[in-house]
Structures are given as C-alpha cells and as structure tokens.
Protein backbone atom coordinates (compact mmCIF):
# COMPACT_ATOMS: atom_id res chain seq x y z
CA MET A 1 0.00 0.00 0.00
CA GLU A 2 2.94 2.31 0.68
CA ASN A 3 4.03 1.88 -2.91
CA MET A 4 0.57 2.94 -4.08
CA PHE A 5 0.71 6.11 -2.05
CA ARG A 6 4.07 6.96 -3.54
CA LEU A 7 2.59 6.52 -7.03
CA MET A 8 -0.39 8.73 -6.21
CA ALA A 9 1.93 11.41 -4.97
CA SER A 10 3.49 11.62 -8.41
CA GLU A 11 2.01 14.23 -10.77
CA GLU A 12 2.22 11.74 -13.62
CA TYR A 13 -0.29 9.49 -11.89
CA PHE A 14 -3.09 11.97 -12.44
CA SER A 15 -4.23 11.73 -16.05
CA ASP A 16 -7.32 11.46 -18.19
CA ARG A 17 -7.14 7.68 -18.36
CA ARG A 18 -8.87 5.45 -15.88
CA CYS A 19 -6.59 3.69 -13.37
CA VAL A 20 -7.27 0.30 -11.81
CA TRP A 21 -5.36 -1.26 -8.94
CA VAL A 22 -4.81 -5.00 -9.33
CA ASN A 23 -4.09 -6.85 -6.11
CA GLY A 24 -1.99 -9.45 -7.93
CA PRO A 25 -0.43 -9.99 -11.36
CA VAL A 26 -1.66 -8.61 -14.66
CA ILE A 27 -1.45 -11.35 -17.34
CA VAL A 28 -1.17 -10.15 -20.90
CA GLY A 29 -2.61 -12.74 -23.28
CA ALA A 30 -5.38 -15.33 -23.00
CA GLY A 31 -3.71 -18.11 -24.92
CA PRO A 32 -2.54 -21.43 -23.42
CA SER A 33 0.32 -19.89 -21.42
CA GLY A 34 -1.84 -17.08 -20.02
CA LEU A 35 -4.60 -19.51 -19.08
CA ALA A 36 -2.15 -21.90 -17.42
CA THR A 37 -0.62 -19.09 -15.38
CA ALA A 38 -4.07 -17.88 -14.33
CA ALA A 39 -5.20 -21.39 -13.31
CA CYS A 40 -2.10 -21.90 -11.13
CA LEU A 41 -2.67 -18.52 -9.45
CA ARG A 42 -6.34 -19.34 -8.93
CA ASP A 43 -5.36 -22.63 -7.31
CA GLN A 44 -3.17 -20.73 -4.83
CA GLY A 45 -5.82 -18.09 -4.09
CA VAL A 46 -3.90 -15.30 -5.81
CA PRO A 47 -6.01 -12.67 -7.55
CA PHE A 48 -5.14 -11.62 -11.14
CA VAL A 49 -6.42 -9.87 -14.21
CA VAL A 50 -6.07 -11.25 -17.75
CA VAL A 51 -6.16 -8.73 -20.64
CA GLU A 52 -6.53 -9.95 -24.19
CA ARG A 53 -6.48 -7.84 -27.35
CA SER A 54 -8.81 -10.16 -29.27
CA ASP A 55 -12.40 -11.06 -28.50
CA CYS A 56 -11.79 -14.67 -27.49
CA ILE A 57 -9.35 -16.97 -25.76
CA ALA A 58 -6.56 -18.61 -27.86
CA SER A 59 -7.21 -16.17 -30.74
CA LEU A 60 -4.26 -17.46 -32.74
CA TRP A 61 -5.71 -20.96 -32.68
CA GLN A 62 -9.25 -19.79 -33.42
CA LYS A 63 -8.61 -17.11 -36.04
CA ARG A 64 -5.18 -17.50 -37.57
CA THR A 65 -4.76 -21.19 -38.27
CA TYR A 66 -5.60 -23.54 -41.12
CA ASP A 67 -8.49 -26.00 -40.98
CA ARG A 68 -6.45 -29.22 -40.84
CA LEU A 69 -4.22 -28.08 -38.00
CA LYS A 70 -3.67 -30.38 -35.04
CA LEU A 71 -1.14 -30.55 -32.23
CA HIS A 72 2.34 -31.48 -33.47
CA LEU A 73 3.24 -33.23 -30.23
CA PRO A 74 1.45 -35.98 -28.36
CA LYS A 75 -1.27 -34.61 -26.07
CA LYS A 76 0.51 -35.59 -22.83
CA PHE A 77 3.16 -32.98 -23.66
CA CYS A 78 0.62 -30.20 -24.45
CA GLN A 79 -1.98 -30.42 -21.67
CA LEU A 80 -2.13 -27.52 -19.23
CA PRO A 81 -1.52 -27.83 -15.48
CA LYS A 82 -4.12 -29.40 -13.22
CA MET A 83 -6.41 -30.59 -16.04
CA PRO A 84 -5.47 -33.33 -18.55
CA PHE A 85 -7.03 -33.75 -21.95
CA PRO A 86 -10.20 -35.91 -22.03
CA ASP A 87 -9.42 -39.62 -22.40
CA HIS A 88 -11.30 -39.91 -25.65
CA TYR A 89 -9.13 -37.33 -27.39
CA PRO A 90 -6.71 -38.80 -30.01
CA GLU A 91 -2.96 -38.72 -29.51
CA TYR A 92 -2.79 -35.59 -31.63
CA PRO A 93 -5.90 -33.51 -30.94
CA THR A 94 -7.38 -31.44 -33.74
CA LYS A 95 -7.61 -27.68 -33.75
CA ARG A 96 -11.28 -27.76 -32.69
CA GLN A 97 -10.59 -30.24 -29.93
CA PHE A 98 -7.78 -28.12 -28.57
CA VAL A 99 -9.91 -24.97 -28.57
CA ASP A 100 -12.73 -26.83 -26.81
CA TYR A 101 -10.25 -28.05 -24.22
CA LEU A 102 -8.98 -24.48 -23.60
CA GLU A 103 -12.52 -23.15 -23.23
CA SER A 104 -13.36 -25.90 -20.72
CA TYR A 105 -10.13 -25.10 -18.89
CA ALA A 106 -11.04 -21.43 -18.60
CA ASN A 107 -14.50 -22.31 -17.32
CA ARG A 108 -13.22 -24.80 -14.75
CA PHE A 109 -10.80 -22.30 -13.23
CA GLU A 110 -13.18 -19.34 -13.60
CA ILE A 111 -10.79 -17.41 -15.84
CA LYS A 112 -12.64 -14.45 -17.35
CA PRO A 113 -10.25 -12.38 -19.49
CA GLU A 114 -10.97 -8.74 -20.27
CA PHE A 115 -11.28 -8.97 -24.04
CA ASN A 116 -10.65 -6.35 -26.74
CA LYS A 117 -7.98 -4.62 -24.66
CA SER A 118 -4.75 -4.04 -26.40
CA VAL A 119 -1.65 -3.30 -24.29
CA GLU A 120 -0.01 -0.15 -25.60
CA SER A 121 2.77 0.07 -23.01
CA ALA A 122 3.99 -1.49 -19.82
CA ARG A 123 6.69 0.05 -17.68
CA PHE A 124 8.07 -0.39 -14.20
CA ASP A 125 7.76 2.70 -12.01
CA GLU A 126 10.99 2.94 -10.01
CA THR A 127 9.50 5.38 -7.50
CA SER A 128 6.63 3.15 -6.38
CA GLY A 129 8.02 -0.24 -7.33
CA LEU A 130 4.87 -0.97 -9.33
CA TRP A 131 4.08 -1.86 -12.93
CA ARG A 132 1.93 0.50 -15.02
CA VAL A 133 0.18 -1.28 -17.88
CA ARG A 134 -1.67 0.97 -20.30
CA THR A 135 -4.40 -0.51 -22.53
CA THR A 136 -6.83 0.82 -25.11
CA SER A 137 -10.25 -0.50 -26.03
CA ALA A 138 -12.58 1.18 -28.50
CA GLY A 139 -10.69 4.43 -28.09
CA GLU A 140 -10.83 4.33 -24.28
CA GLU A 141 -7.58 4.21 -22.33
CA MET A 142 -7.11 2.37 -19.05
CA GLU A 143 -4.09 1.87 -16.87
CA TYR A 144 -3.59 -1.14 -14.58
CA ILE A 145 -1.34 -0.72 -11.56
CA CYS A 146 0.16 -3.93 -10.19
CA ARG A 147 3.22 -5.40 -8.50
CA TRP A 148 3.76 -8.19 -11.04
CA LEU A 149 3.44 -8.46 -14.80
CA VAL A 150 3.20 -11.69 -16.79
CA VAL A 151 3.61 -11.38 -20.56
CA ALA A 152 2.04 -14.41 -22.24
CA THR A 153 1.64 -13.20 -25.82
CA GLY A 154 3.38 -16.15 -27.45
CA GLU A 155 6.36 -16.38 -29.77
CA ASN A 156 4.18 -16.43 -32.93
CA ALA A 157 1.90 -13.55 -32.13
CA GLU A 158 2.99 -11.52 -35.14
CA ARG A 159 3.46 -12.81 -38.65
CA VAL A 160 6.87 -12.54 -40.33
CA VAL A 161 7.01 -11.98 -44.10
CA PRO A 162 10.43 -11.97 -45.78
CA GLU A 163 11.48 -9.27 -48.23
CA ILE A 164 11.65 -10.89 -51.68
CA ASN A 165 12.92 -8.84 -54.65
CA GLY A 166 10.25 -8.29 -57.27
CA LEU A 167 7.43 -9.81 -55.22
CA LYS A 168 5.39 -6.59 -55.13
CA THR A 169 6.37 -5.22 -58.56
CA GLU A 170 6.72 -8.23 -60.87
CA PHE A 171 4.53 -10.97 -59.40
CA ASN A 172 0.83 -10.73 -60.24
CA GLY A 173 -0.39 -13.75 -58.28
CA GLU A 174 -1.85 -14.02 -54.81
CA VAL A 175 0.51 -13.83 -51.82
CA ILE A 176 -0.73 -14.91 -48.39
CA HIS A 177 0.87 -15.72 -45.03
CA ALA A 178 0.27 -19.07 -43.35
CA CYS A 179 -1.93 -17.37 -40.72
CA GLU A 180 -4.31 -16.38 -43.57
CA TYR A 181 -4.42 -19.85 -45.12
CA LYS A 182 -7.49 -21.98 -44.32
CA SER A 183 -7.77 -24.72 -46.90
CA GLY A 184 -6.30 -25.80 -50.22
CA ASP A 185 -9.74 -26.06 -51.79
CA LYS A 186 -9.54 -22.77 -53.68
CA PHE A 187 -6.11 -23.66 -55.06
CA ARG A 188 -7.17 -26.79 -56.95
CA GLY A 189 -5.22 -27.08 -60.22
CA LYS A 190 -3.11 -23.99 -59.44
CA ARG A 191 0.64 -23.76 -59.09
CA VAL A 192 1.47 -22.86 -55.50
CA LEU A 193 4.92 -22.18 -53.98
CA VAL A 194 5.32 -22.68 -50.21
CA VAL A 195 8.20 -20.78 -48.63
CA GLY A 196 9.57 -22.56 -45.60
CA CYS A 197 9.44 -26.10 -44.25
CA GLY A 198 8.52 -25.56 -40.61
CA ASN A 199 5.44 -27.24 -39.15
CA SER A 200 3.09 -24.87 -41.00
CA GLY A 201 4.93 -25.12 -44.28
CA MET A 202 4.95 -28.91 -44.23
CA GLU A 203 1.30 -29.25 -43.31
CA VAL A 204 0.12 -26.55 -45.74
CA SER A 205 2.04 -28.27 -48.54
CA LEU A 206 0.38 -31.60 -47.72
CA ASP A 207 -3.05 -29.91 -47.60
CA LEU A 208 -2.45 -28.26 -51.01
CA ALA A 209 -1.38 -31.58 -52.51
CA ASN A 210 -4.43 -33.32 -51.08
CA HIS A 211 -6.59 -30.68 -52.83
CA ASN A 212 -4.82 -31.35 -56.19
CA ALA A 213 -2.81 -28.15 -56.24
CA ILE A 214 0.54 -28.23 -58.08
CA THR A 215 2.67 -27.69 -55.01
CA SER A 216 6.33 -26.78 -54.71
CA MET A 217 8.41 -25.83 -51.66
CA VAL A 218 11.50 -23.68 -51.34
CA VAL A 219 13.76 -23.97 -48.27
CA ARG A 220 16.86 -21.91 -47.40
CA SER A 221 18.51 -24.68 -45.38
CA SER A 222 18.36 -28.43 -44.98
CA VAL A 223 15.23 -30.09 -43.66
CA SER A 224 15.37 -31.56 -40.14
CA LYS A 225 15.10 -35.35 -40.22
CA THR A 226 13.40 -35.27 -36.82
CA LYS A 227 10.75 -32.85 -38.14
CA LEU A 228 10.06 -35.15 -41.10
CA ILE A 229 9.63 -38.20 -38.83
CA VAL A 230 7.20 -36.38 -36.52
CA PHE A 231 5.30 -34.94 -39.48
CA PHE A 232 4.80 -38.28 -41.25
CA LYS A 233 3.89 -40.07 -37.99
CA GLN A 234 0.96 -37.66 -37.62
CA ASN A 235 -0.31 -37.58 -41.16
CA ILE A 236 0.39 -40.94 -42.81
CA THR A 237 -1.74 -44.01 -42.11
CA PHE A 238 -0.14 -47.29 -43.14
CA VAL A 239 -2.50 -49.98 -44.33
C-alpha cells in the first residue's frame, strides 16, 4: 500500500485515463500460457487480471490457423496444469478439440479475461516499485497498476513476411501468409509455392497436394530429419 501512495503522490499518476489497482499480477494474453498461469494462481488463491487484445481466448488458434491443424506433439506434452485432456481425445488433438479443451479449462478455473484490450505500453515505476500497464479499447484508455506483470503473448503472435525482390512489382499472383491460409480447396489445379518447411509449411504443402494443387516448396537450409519423422507419424496412415 505504501508503494501505491508513492505513485499517487506523483504528478504523472493523475491523467485522463482510468486507473485500476490489481491486487496481484496482470497477465497479458489469453492463450494457453496465459490460461495456465491464471489457473495456477487461482489454485493458490492469488487474484489476477487477464487482458486480451482479441475477443476470445486462444485467438491465434481460433482465427489465424488452417483448418487441418492439429497438435504437433502428443497430447501428454501439451496439456495444461491441473487438467489433462479428455481420455477420448486422440494422440494428436485437432484444432477444434484443442480450442474446446482451452474453453473448458477457462470455465473450470473461472478465468474471465478482459477482451478487446490491447496493451499499448508497460513500464516499471521505480519510485513506487509498481508496474503500469496501459491498454486501449474502443478508443478508451485504461491503466492497470500492479506489483507483477506476466507477458504471455506467445512467440508467434505476429506474422513474419520476408522481403523478396520483385514480389510486389513483378509478381501478379496471390501472396498470403500461413496465418491467412485456411484450406487448399480454392487452389485446386493452381501452381502454388510454399516458402519454408517448418510445421506450418509442411502441413500446408500436404493440404495443398491433397486438394490437387501443383505444389512446390523452397527452403533456405536443410530439412530436419526429426521434423520429417514427426510430421509423417501424424499424417500418414499405413494400411
């Protein structure tokens, strides 16, 4: 409480934006990591606030993934703390199954994120020893004051598109990022080049081939043998 009084004594504290004191951590992001952190805090009786810039939990899974996506590791390595996957789930749950699991997880631990709140800045106030987390939502600013900050925005939150000479000036075809790809259905009979052989590149290439697209892949380095083994184990059924 003494730290809060120090902050209130500062002229910078008084502003047009609304300020909210959080008696616990502020968690940025309502994906799997944010939900897991919140559940563990709930289990220990620690209050928290989860802020999420989208309008749903696990927005990357729900809005920026292709239809055929499923977990690339066995489910026992991907389940969140204190709640395993349902027994009837397959070894590699589908996208829809994983989202259903996360929604059930949030309900079980009473995690209710504050949606549509984008974090614009977060800084540690040396005078008070508190974090100041500024968010915007529909043009309205809000500042959360807390002692701890947990950033759970994920390593793939923003898409990365390489600079390719002539792509914008000489190429007349469609260019999309993997987060915009849903299905190979609209690419039937078309020539498609996939750049990269990570998990998404491999699975998008297979999906395109299954939809009779003329698919090629370009890779800047050698392909990991381990990645190939894992990929084929998931997607090939031997009869």
